[in-house]
Amino acid sequence: MILHKRILIYITLLSLATSCVQETHLKTVTFKVDATQLEGEGNIGIRGNFTPNAWEDVVPLSDDDQDGIYEIELSQKTAASAVEFKFVKGETIELEGKENRTIQFEYRPETIVYETQFDNPEAHIRRLE
């Protein structure tokens, strides 16, 4: 009888532990930042918890068509409900003294386009899937 109770307790604990694990989903985000109002050469990047080496390194964005809009596409499997980030130009981190930019995720795979202007907290978010 005691053995059966222990087994039942073990199974209950195991099911509780495994039910708390959230499923990860692929999130693909294209970040686009308009830097046409900025003076000087580019070197626009992004730093945040959705980038490799979260918050440690600046990940460079590119402006292949030379229109002043820098972009990068990042993908990651995650169970996170949101990400935070800021854009960087050289050593200047935008929105100094203000909250980080945020994207709220839905609990499913997503493809998102995030468009904004450097140092302007307003943004347009499009969900493609």
C-alpha atoms as a PDB file:
ATOM      1  CA  MET A   1       0.000   0.000   0.000  1.00  0.00           C
ATOM      2  CA  ILE A   2       2.796   2.432   0.925  1.00  0.00           C
ATOM      3  CA  LEU A   3       4.598   1.603  -2.332  1.00  0.00           C
ATOM      4  CA  HIS A   4       1.451   2.374  -4.338  1.00  0.00           C
ATOM      5  CA  LYS A   5       1.092   5.759  -2.601  1.00  0.00           C
ATOM      6  CA  ARG A   6       4.727   6.591  -3.342  1.00  0.00           C
ATOM      7  CA  ILE A   7       4.305   5.658  -6.991  1.00  0.00           C
ATOM      8  CA  LEU A   8       1.125   7.735  -7.198  1.00  0.00           C
ATOM      9  CA  ILE A   9       2.879  10.725  -5.597  1.00  0.00           C
ATOM     10  CA  TYR A  10       5.849  10.324  -7.976  1.00  0.00           C
ATOM     11  CA  ILE A  11       3.593  10.182 -11.044  1.00  0.00           C
ATOM     12  CA  THR A  12       1.643  13.230  -9.851  1.00  0.00           C
ATOM     13  CA  LEU A  13       4.828  15.231  -9.243  1.00  0.00           C
ATOM     14  CA  LEU A  14       6.240  14.176 -12.599  1.00  0.00           C
ATOM     15  CA  SER A  15       3.095  15.232 -14.460  1.00  0.00           C
ATOM     16  CA  LEU A  16       3.043  18.586 -12.657  1.00  0.00           C
ATOM     17  CA  ALA A  17       6.687  19.213 -13.488  1.00  0.00           C
ATOM     18  CA  THR A  18       6.295  18.382 -17.168  1.00  0.00           C
ATOM     19  CA  SER A  19       3.033  20.291 -17.562  1.00  0.00           C
ATOM     20  CA  CYS A  20       4.777  23.532 -16.520  1.00  0.00           C
ATOM     21  CA  VAL A  21       7.167  23.426 -19.467  1.00  0.00           C
ATOM     22  CA  GLN A  22       5.991  25.749 -22.217  1.00  0.00           C
ATOM     23  CA  GLU A  23       6.279  24.701 -25.819  1.00  0.00           C
ATOM     24  CA  THR A  24       8.702  26.759 -27.918  1.00  0.00           C
ATOM     25  CA  HIS A  25       7.647  28.327 -31.213  1.00  0.00           C
ATOM     26  CA  LEU A  26       9.698  29.741 -34.073  1.00  0.00           C
ATOM     27  CA  LYS A  27       9.611  33.542 -34.070  1.00  0.00           C
ATOM     28  CA  THR A  28      11.015  35.357 -37.092  1.00  0.00           C
ATOM     29  CA  VAL A  29      11.256  39.127 -36.773  1.00  0.00           C
ATOM     30  CA  THR A  30      12.409  41.559 -39.452  1.00  0.00           C
ATOM     31  CA  PHE A  31      13.582  44.722 -37.722  1.00  0.00           C
ATOM     32  CA  LYS A  32      13.553  47.856 -39.916  1.00  0.00           C
ATOM     33  CA  VAL A  33      14.758  51.203 -38.596  1.00  0.00           C
ATOM     34  CA  ASP A  34      14.678  54.451 -40.564  1.00  0.00           C
ATOM     35  CA  ALA A  35      17.931  56.343 -39.944  1.00  0.00           C
ATOM     36  CA  THR A  36      17.568  58.953 -42.697  1.00  0.00           C
ATOM     37  CA  GLN A  37      17.336  61.777 -40.135  1.00  0.00           C
ATOM     38  CA  LEU A  38      20.691  60.845 -38.587  1.00  0.00           C
ATOM     39  CA  GLU A  39      23.896  62.592 -39.565  1.00  0.00           C
ATOM     40  CA  GLY A  40      27.096  60.778 -40.434  1.00  0.00           C
ATOM     41  CA  GLU A  41      27.902  57.255 -41.507  1.00  0.00           C
ATOM     42  CA  GLY A  42      25.803  54.245 -40.598  1.00  0.00           C
ATOM     43  CA  ASN A  43      26.894  51.484 -38.247  1.00  0.00           C
ATOM     44  CA  ILE A  44      23.322  50.935 -37.085  1.00  0.00           C
ATOM     45  CA  GLY A  45      22.771  47.870 -34.919  1.00  0.00           C
ATOM     46  CA  ILE A  46      20.406  46.250 -32.464  1.00  0.00           C
ATOM     47  CA  ARG A  47      20.895  45.019 -28.916  1.00  0.00           C
ATOM     48  CA  GLY A  48      18.362  43.071 -26.857  1.00  0.00           C
ATOM     49  CA  ASN A  49      17.211  39.775 -25.430  1.00  0.00           C
ATOM     50  CA  PHE A  50      16.275  38.383 -28.874  1.00  0.00           C
ATOM     51  CA  THR A  51      19.800  38.797 -30.263  1.00  0.00           C
ATOM     52  CA  PRO A  52      22.749  36.418 -29.963  1.00  0.00           C
ATOM     53  CA  ASN A  53      24.622  37.124 -26.690  1.00  0.00           C
ATOM     54  CA  ALA A  54      21.552  38.935 -25.336  1.00  0.00           C
ATOM     55  CA  TRP A  55      22.300  42.592 -24.554  1.00  0.00           C
ATOM     56  CA  GLU A  56      26.085  41.970 -24.680  1.00  0.00           C
ATOM     57  CA  ASP A  57      26.853  42.541 -28.345  1.00  0.00           C
ATOM     58  CA  VAL A  58      25.483  44.896 -30.961  1.00  0.00           C
ATOM     59  CA  VAL A  59      24.207  42.987 -33.981  1.00  0.00           C
ATOM     60  CA  PRO A  60      24.733  45.099 -37.124  1.00  0.00           C
ATOM     61  CA  LEU A  61      21.840  45.932 -39.439  1.00  0.00           C
ATOM     62  CA  SER A  62      22.379  46.441 -43.155  1.00  0.00           C
ATOM     63  CA  ASP A  63      21.159  48.974 -45.710  1.00  0.00           C
ATOM     64  CA  ASP A  64      21.790  47.069 -48.937  1.00  0.00           C
ATOM     65  CA  ASP A  65      19.719  49.407 -51.137  1.00  0.00           C
ATOM     66  CA  GLN A  66      21.192  52.583 -49.550  1.00  0.00           C
ATOM     67  CA  ASP A  67      17.758  54.068 -48.737  1.00  0.00           C
ATOM     68  CA  GLY A  68      18.637  54.887 -45.121  1.00  0.00           C
ATOM     69  CA  ILE A  69      16.460  52.091 -43.736  1.00  0.00           C
ATOM     70  CA  TYR A  70      18.553  49.496 -41.952  1.00  0.00           C
ATOM     71  CA  GLU A  71      17.243  46.002 -41.401  1.00  0.00           C
ATOM     72  CA  ILE A  72      17.925  42.517 -40.162  1.00  0.00           C
ATOM     73  CA  GLU A  73      15.905  39.327 -39.872  1.00  0.00           C
ATOM     74  CA  LEU A  74      16.357  37.281 -36.702  1.00  0.00           C
ATOM     75  CA  SER A  75      14.794  33.899 -35.944  1.00  0.00           C
ATOM     76  CA  GLN A  76      14.648  31.992 -32.713  1.00  0.00           C
ATOM     77  CA  LYS A  77      12.649  29.162 -31.171  1.00  0.00           C
ATOM     78  CA  THR A  78      11.377  30.513 -27.882  1.00  0.00           C
ATOM     79  CA  ALA A  79       8.637  30.213 -25.291  1.00  0.00           C
ATOM     80  CA  ALA A  80       9.077  33.878 -24.329  1.00  0.00           C
ATOM     81  CA  SER A  81       5.949  36.009 -24.418  1.00  0.00           C
ATOM     82  CA  ALA A  82       7.849  39.201 -25.331  1.00  0.00           C
ATOM     83  CA  VAL A  83      11.244  40.576 -26.309  1.00  0.00           C
ATOM     84  CA  GLU A  84      12.956  43.849 -25.469  1.00  0.00           C
ATOM     85  CA  PHE A  85      15.560  45.703 -27.515  1.00  0.00           C
ATOM     86  CA  LYS A  86      17.014  49.046 -28.596  1.00  0.00           C
ATOM     87  CA  PHE A  87      18.748  50.242 -31.736  1.00  0.00           C
ATOM     88  CA  VAL A  88      22.301  51.547 -31.612  1.00  0.00           C
ATOM     89  CA  LYS A  89      24.291  53.945 -33.824  1.00  0.00           C
ATOM     90  CA  GLY A  90      27.988  53.674 -33.120  1.00  0.00           C
ATOM     91  CA  GLU A  91      28.206  54.133 -29.343  1.00  0.00           C
ATOM     92  CA  THR A  92      24.809  55.890 -29.086  1.00  0.00           C
ATOM     93  CA  ILE A  93      21.947  53.808 -27.724  1.00  0.00           C
ATOM     94  CA  GLU A  94      18.594  55.264 -28.762  1.00  0.00           C
ATOM     95  CA  LEU A  95      15.794  56.246 -26.411  1.00  0.00           C
ATOM     96  CA  GLU A  96      18.227  57.035 -23.600  1.00  0.00           C
ATOM     97  CA  GLY A  97      16.433  57.137 -20.254  1.00  0.00           C
ATOM     98  CA  LYS A  98      13.288  55.633 -21.808  1.00  0.00           C
ATOM     99  CA  GLU A  99      11.878  52.129 -21.718  1.00  0.00           C
ATOM    100  CA  ASN A 100      13.161  49.478 -24.097  1.00  0.00           C
ATOM    101  CA  ARG A 101      11.248  48.700 -27.260  1.00  0.00           C
ATOM    102  CA  THR A 102       9.010  45.648 -26.848  1.00  0.00           C
ATOM    103  CA  ILE A 103       7.304  43.121 -29.081  1.00  0.00           C
ATOM    104  CA  GLN A 104       4.607  40.959 -27.489  1.00  0.00           C
ATOM    105  CA  PHE A 105       4.468  37.452 -28.936  1.00  0.00           C
ATOM    106  CA  GLU A 106       1.455  35.239 -29.355  1.00  0.00           C
ATOM    107  CA  TYR A 107       1.663  31.599 -28.279  1.00  0.00           C
ATOM    108  CA  ARG A 108       2.275  30.200 -31.781  1.00  0.00           C
ATOM    109  CA  PRO A 109       4.876  30.405 -34.584  1.00  0.00           C
ATOM    110  CA  GLU A 110       5.053  33.959 -35.938  1.00  0.00           C
ATOM    111  CA  THR A 111       6.629  36.073 -38.647  1.00  0.00           C
ATOM    112  CA  ILE A 112       6.697  39.762 -37.720  1.00  0.00           C
ATOM    113  CA  VAL A 113       7.906  42.965 -39.375  1.00  0.00           C
ATOM    114  CA  TYR A 114       8.827  45.717 -36.909  1.00  0.00           C
ATOM    115  CA  GLU A 115       9.219  49.171 -38.514  1.00  0.00           C
ATOM    116  CA  THR A 116      10.265  52.364 -36.763  1.00  0.00           C
ATOM    117  CA  GLN A 117      12.474  55.436 -36.875  1.00  0.00           C
ATOM    118  CA  PHE A 118      15.690  55.661 -34.856  1.00  0.00           C
ATOM    119  CA  ASP A 119      15.115  57.297 -31.443  1.00  0.00           C
ATOM    120  CA  ASN A 120      11.334  57.478 -31.968  1.00  0.00           C
ATOM    121  CA  PRO A 121       9.392  55.131 -29.654  1.00  0.00           C
ATOM    122  CA  GLU A 122       6.459  54.779 -32.066  1.00  0.00           C
ATOM    123  CA  ALA A 123       6.517  51.688 -34.251  1.00  0.00           C
ATOM    124  CA  HIS A 124       4.422  49.739 -36.717  1.00  0.00           C
ATOM    125  CA  ILE A 125       4.174  45.977 -36.183  1.00  0.00           C
ATOM    126  CA  ARG A 126       2.862  43.686 -38.920  1.00  0.00           C
ATOM    127  CA  ARG A 127       2.167  40.005 -38.277  1.00  0.00           C
ATOM    128  CA  LEU A 128       2.548  38.048 -41.501  1.00  0.00           C
ATOM    129  CA  GLU A 129       1.449  34.651 -40.157  1.00  0.00           C
END
